[in-house]
Amino acid sequence: MMTLKPGSILLGTTQPAELRDWYRRALAPEHQGEGPIDLGGFLLVIEQRDDIDAKNNQPGRMILNFHVDDFDAVEAQLRAAGVDWLVPVADRSSGRFGTFADPDGNYLQIIQFKQDA
């Protein structure tokens, strides 16, 4: 049996241009063009949808996690982009975590795990 490797995620929105700009500013400042946003080999596809609400009413159902090697640098990049922090950056037993939301209310996290975690 084969284990599948995720390659992309489709993010439906009522405001694709605004959401694309936010993701570029916050997570991929070097990305250009209108195609999928490359997040380290994992592609983010943002698509206009008419069958959804403007805000995600249950954003805790799925949280997109970004594992980082330099938490402070990524936190500074996100703060400069003006992210909405839901859970302040905190040290936990397994590492450092910060939870934030995109303009549609979807949750994202940055995580730097401890080497022994």
C-alpha atoms as a PDB file:
ATOM      1  CA  MET A   1       0.000   0.000   0.000  1.00  0.00           C
ATOM      2  CA  MET A   2       1.248   3.482  -0.876  1.00  0.00           C
ATOM      3  CA  THR A   3       1.385   6.430   1.546  1.00  0.00           C
ATOM      4  CA  LEU A   4       0.226   9.602  -0.173  1.00  0.00           C
ATOM      5  CA  LYS A   5       2.188  12.830   0.114  1.00  0.00           C
ATOM      6  CA  PRO A   6       0.170  16.071   0.216  1.00  0.00           C
ATOM      7  CA  GLY A   7       1.146  18.486  -2.519  1.00  0.00           C
ATOM      8  CA  SER A   8      -1.373  21.318  -2.353  1.00  0.00           C
ATOM      9  CA  ILE A   9      -4.411  22.715  -0.633  1.00  0.00           C
ATOM     10  CA  LEU A  10      -7.321  24.560  -2.219  1.00  0.00           C
ATOM     11  CA  LEU A  11      -8.495  27.521  -0.184  1.00  0.00           C
ATOM     12  CA  GLY A  12     -11.913  28.754  -1.253  1.00  0.00           C
ATOM     13  CA  THR A  13     -12.770  32.386  -0.590  1.00  0.00           C
ATOM     14  CA  THR A  14     -15.165  35.165  -1.517  1.00  0.00           C
ATOM     15  CA  GLN A  15     -12.221  37.573  -1.838  1.00  0.00           C
ATOM     16  CA  PRO A  16      -9.438  35.816  -3.783  1.00  0.00           C
ATOM     17  CA  ALA A  17      -7.341  38.881  -4.674  1.00  0.00           C
ATOM     18  CA  GLU A  18      -7.255  40.150  -1.094  1.00  0.00           C
ATOM     19  CA  LEU A  19      -6.527  36.724   0.364  1.00  0.00           C
ATOM     20  CA  ARG A  20      -3.778  36.057  -2.197  1.00  0.00           C
ATOM     21  CA  ASP A  21      -2.149  39.400  -1.326  1.00  0.00           C
ATOM     22  CA  TRP A  22      -2.314  38.601   2.385  1.00  0.00           C
ATOM     23  CA  TYR A  23      -0.731  35.142   1.937  1.00  0.00           C
ATOM     24  CA  ARG A  24       2.018  36.572  -0.234  1.00  0.00           C
ATOM     25  CA  ARG A  25       2.748  39.369   2.245  1.00  0.00           C
ATOM     26  CA  ALA A  26       2.653  37.120   5.325  1.00  0.00           C
ATOM     27  CA  LEU A  27       4.093  33.810   4.109  1.00  0.00           C
ATOM     28  CA  ALA A  28       5.676  34.130   0.673  1.00  0.00           C
ATOM     29  CA  PRO A  29       6.901  37.693   0.040  1.00  0.00           C
ATOM     30  CA  GLU A  30       9.032  36.569  -2.913  1.00  0.00           C
ATOM     31  CA  HIS A  31       6.111  34.896  -4.738  1.00  0.00           C
ATOM     32  CA  GLN A  32       5.007  36.552  -7.961  1.00  0.00           C
ATOM     33  CA  GLY A  33       2.237  35.820 -10.416  1.00  0.00           C
ATOM     34  CA  GLU A  34      -1.295  34.583 -10.146  1.00  0.00           C
ATOM     35  CA  GLY A  35      -0.680  30.838  -9.950  1.00  0.00           C
ATOM     36  CA  PRO A  36      -0.427  28.675  -6.857  1.00  0.00           C
ATOM     37  CA  ILE A  37       1.697  30.098  -4.044  1.00  0.00           C
ATOM     38  CA  ASP A  38       4.660  27.823  -3.315  1.00  0.00           C
ATOM     39  CA  LEU A  39       5.021  27.358   0.434  1.00  0.00           C
ATOM     40  CA  GLY A  40       8.236  25.351   0.502  1.00  0.00           C
ATOM     41  CA  GLY A  41       7.109  22.728  -2.009  1.00  0.00           C
ATOM     42  CA  PHE A  42       3.506  22.653  -0.779  1.00  0.00           C
ATOM     43  CA  LEU A  43       1.224  24.647  -3.069  1.00  0.00           C
ATOM     44  CA  LEU A  44      -1.544  26.964  -1.908  1.00  0.00           C
ATOM     45  CA  VAL A  45      -4.295  27.400  -4.497  1.00  0.00           C
ATOM     46  CA  ILE A  46      -6.704  30.274  -3.791  1.00  0.00           C
ATOM     47  CA  GLU A  47     -10.005  30.149  -5.650  1.00  0.00           C
ATOM     48  CA  GLN A  48     -13.152  32.284  -5.843  1.00  0.00           C
ATOM     49  CA  ARG A  49     -16.114  30.358  -4.423  1.00  0.00           C
ATOM     50  CA  ASP A  50     -19.791  31.308  -4.312  1.00  0.00           C
ATOM     51  CA  ASP A  51     -20.890  28.430  -2.070  1.00  0.00           C
ATOM     52  CA  ILE A  52     -19.138  29.592   1.120  1.00  0.00           C
ATOM     53  CA  ASP A  53     -19.473  32.349   3.701  1.00  0.00           C
ATOM     54  CA  ALA A  54     -17.060  35.281   3.741  1.00  0.00           C
ATOM     55  CA  LYS A  55     -15.691  34.092   7.107  1.00  0.00           C
ATOM     56  CA  ASN A  56     -14.851  30.555   8.184  1.00  0.00           C
ATOM     57  CA  ASN A  57     -17.415  29.729  10.887  1.00  0.00           C
ATOM     58  CA  GLN A  58     -15.477  26.735  12.241  1.00  0.00           C
ATOM     59  CA  PRO A  59     -11.800  27.578  11.748  1.00  0.00           C
ATOM     60  CA  GLY A  60     -10.565  25.156  14.397  1.00  0.00           C
ATOM     61  CA  ARG A  61     -11.506  22.149  12.259  1.00  0.00           C
ATOM     62  CA  MET A  62      -8.245  22.368  10.355  1.00  0.00           C
ATOM     63  CA  ILE A  63      -5.133  24.338  11.241  1.00  0.00           C
ATOM     64  CA  LEU A  64      -2.324  24.673   8.721  1.00  0.00           C
ATOM     65  CA  ASN A  65       0.990  24.257  10.580  1.00  0.00           C
ATOM     66  CA  PHE A  66       4.319  25.646   9.436  1.00  0.00           C
ATOM     67  CA  HIS A  67       7.367  24.037  11.010  1.00  0.00           C
ATOM     68  CA  VAL A  68      10.147  26.605  11.227  1.00  0.00           C
ATOM     69  CA  ASP A  69      13.835  26.568  12.113  1.00  0.00           C
ATOM     70  CA  ASP A  70      14.080  30.233  13.143  1.00  0.00           C
ATOM     71  CA  PHE A  71      10.937  31.073  15.083  1.00  0.00           C
ATOM     72  CA  ASP A  72      11.997  34.634  15.918  1.00  0.00           C
ATOM     73  CA  ALA A  73      12.610  35.537  12.267  1.00  0.00           C
ATOM     74  CA  VAL A  74       9.275  34.099  11.120  1.00  0.00           C
ATOM     75  CA  GLU A  75       7.434  35.747  14.008  1.00  0.00           C
ATOM     76  CA  ALA A  76       8.976  39.111  13.034  1.00  0.00           C
ATOM     77  CA  GLN A  77       7.947  38.598   9.379  1.00  0.00           C
ATOM     78  CA  LEU A  78       4.381  37.807  10.435  1.00  0.00           C
ATOM     79  CA  ARG A  79       4.191  40.766  12.829  1.00  0.00           C
ATOM     80  CA  ALA A  80       5.468  43.064  10.065  1.00  0.00           C
ATOM     81  CA  ALA A  81       2.683  41.706   7.821  1.00  0.00           C
ATOM     82  CA  GLY A  82       0.150  42.573  10.542  1.00  0.00           C
ATOM     83  CA  VAL A  83      -1.162  39.094  11.276  1.00  0.00           C
ATOM     84  CA  ASP A  84      -4.023  38.672  13.730  1.00  0.00           C
ATOM     85  CA  TRP A  85      -2.545  36.571  16.571  1.00  0.00           C
ATOM     86  CA  LEU A  86      -5.189  34.335  18.133  1.00  0.00           C
ATOM     87  CA  VAL A  87      -2.920  32.690  20.669  1.00  0.00           C
ATOM     88  CA  PRO A  88       0.153  34.637  21.709  1.00  0.00           C
ATOM     89  CA  VAL A  89       3.497  33.071  21.008  1.00  0.00           C
ATOM     90  CA  ALA A  90       4.227  30.602  23.783  1.00  0.00           C
ATOM     91  CA  ASP A  91       6.862  28.122  24.826  1.00  0.00           C
ATOM     92  CA  ARG A  92       5.442  24.675  25.474  1.00  0.00           C
ATOM     93  CA  SER A  93       7.054  21.434  26.551  1.00  0.00           C
ATOM     94  CA  SER A  94       7.482  20.320  22.911  1.00  0.00           C
ATOM     95  CA  GLY A  95       8.546  23.665  21.455  1.00  0.00           C
ATOM     96  CA  ARG A  96       7.432  27.175  20.548  1.00  0.00           C
ATOM     97  CA  PHE A  97       4.003  27.869  19.041  1.00  0.00           C
ATOM     98  CA  GLY A  98       2.086  30.858  17.678  1.00  0.00           C
ATOM     99  CA  THR A  99      -1.442  30.740  16.247  1.00  0.00           C
ATOM    100  CA  PHE A 100      -2.833  33.372  13.900  1.00  0.00           C
ATOM    101  CA  ALA A 101      -5.650  33.830  11.393  1.00  0.00           C
ATOM    102  CA  ASP A 102      -5.914  34.907   7.784  1.00  0.00           C
ATOM    103  CA  PRO A 103      -8.508  37.529   6.710  1.00  0.00           C
ATOM    104  CA  ASP A 104     -11.128  34.800   6.117  1.00  0.00           C
ATOM    105  CA  GLY A 105     -10.665  33.523   9.680  1.00  0.00           C
ATOM    106  CA  ASN A 106      -8.723  30.346   8.813  1.00  0.00           C
ATOM    107  CA  TYR A 107      -6.246  29.322  11.518  1.00  0.00           C
ATOM    108  CA  LEU A 108      -2.531  28.859  10.921  1.00  0.00           C
ATOM    109  CA  GLN A 109       0.360  28.091  13.274  1.00  0.00           C
ATOM    110  CA  ILE A 110       4.083  28.433  13.314  1.00  0.00           C
ATOM    111  CA  ILE A 111       5.895  25.796  15.329  1.00  0.00           C
ATOM    112  CA  GLN A 112       9.516  25.287  16.217  1.00  0.00           C
ATOM    113  CA  PHE A 113       9.761  21.896  17.876  1.00  0.00           C
ATOM    114  CA  LYS A 114      12.494  21.217  20.398  1.00  0.00           C
ATOM    115  CA  GLN A 115      15.078  18.799  19.051  1.00  0.00           C
ATOM    116  CA  ASP A 116      14.226  16.202  21.708  1.00  0.00           C
ATOM    117  CA  ALA A 117      10.447  16.511  21.236  1.00  0.00           C
END
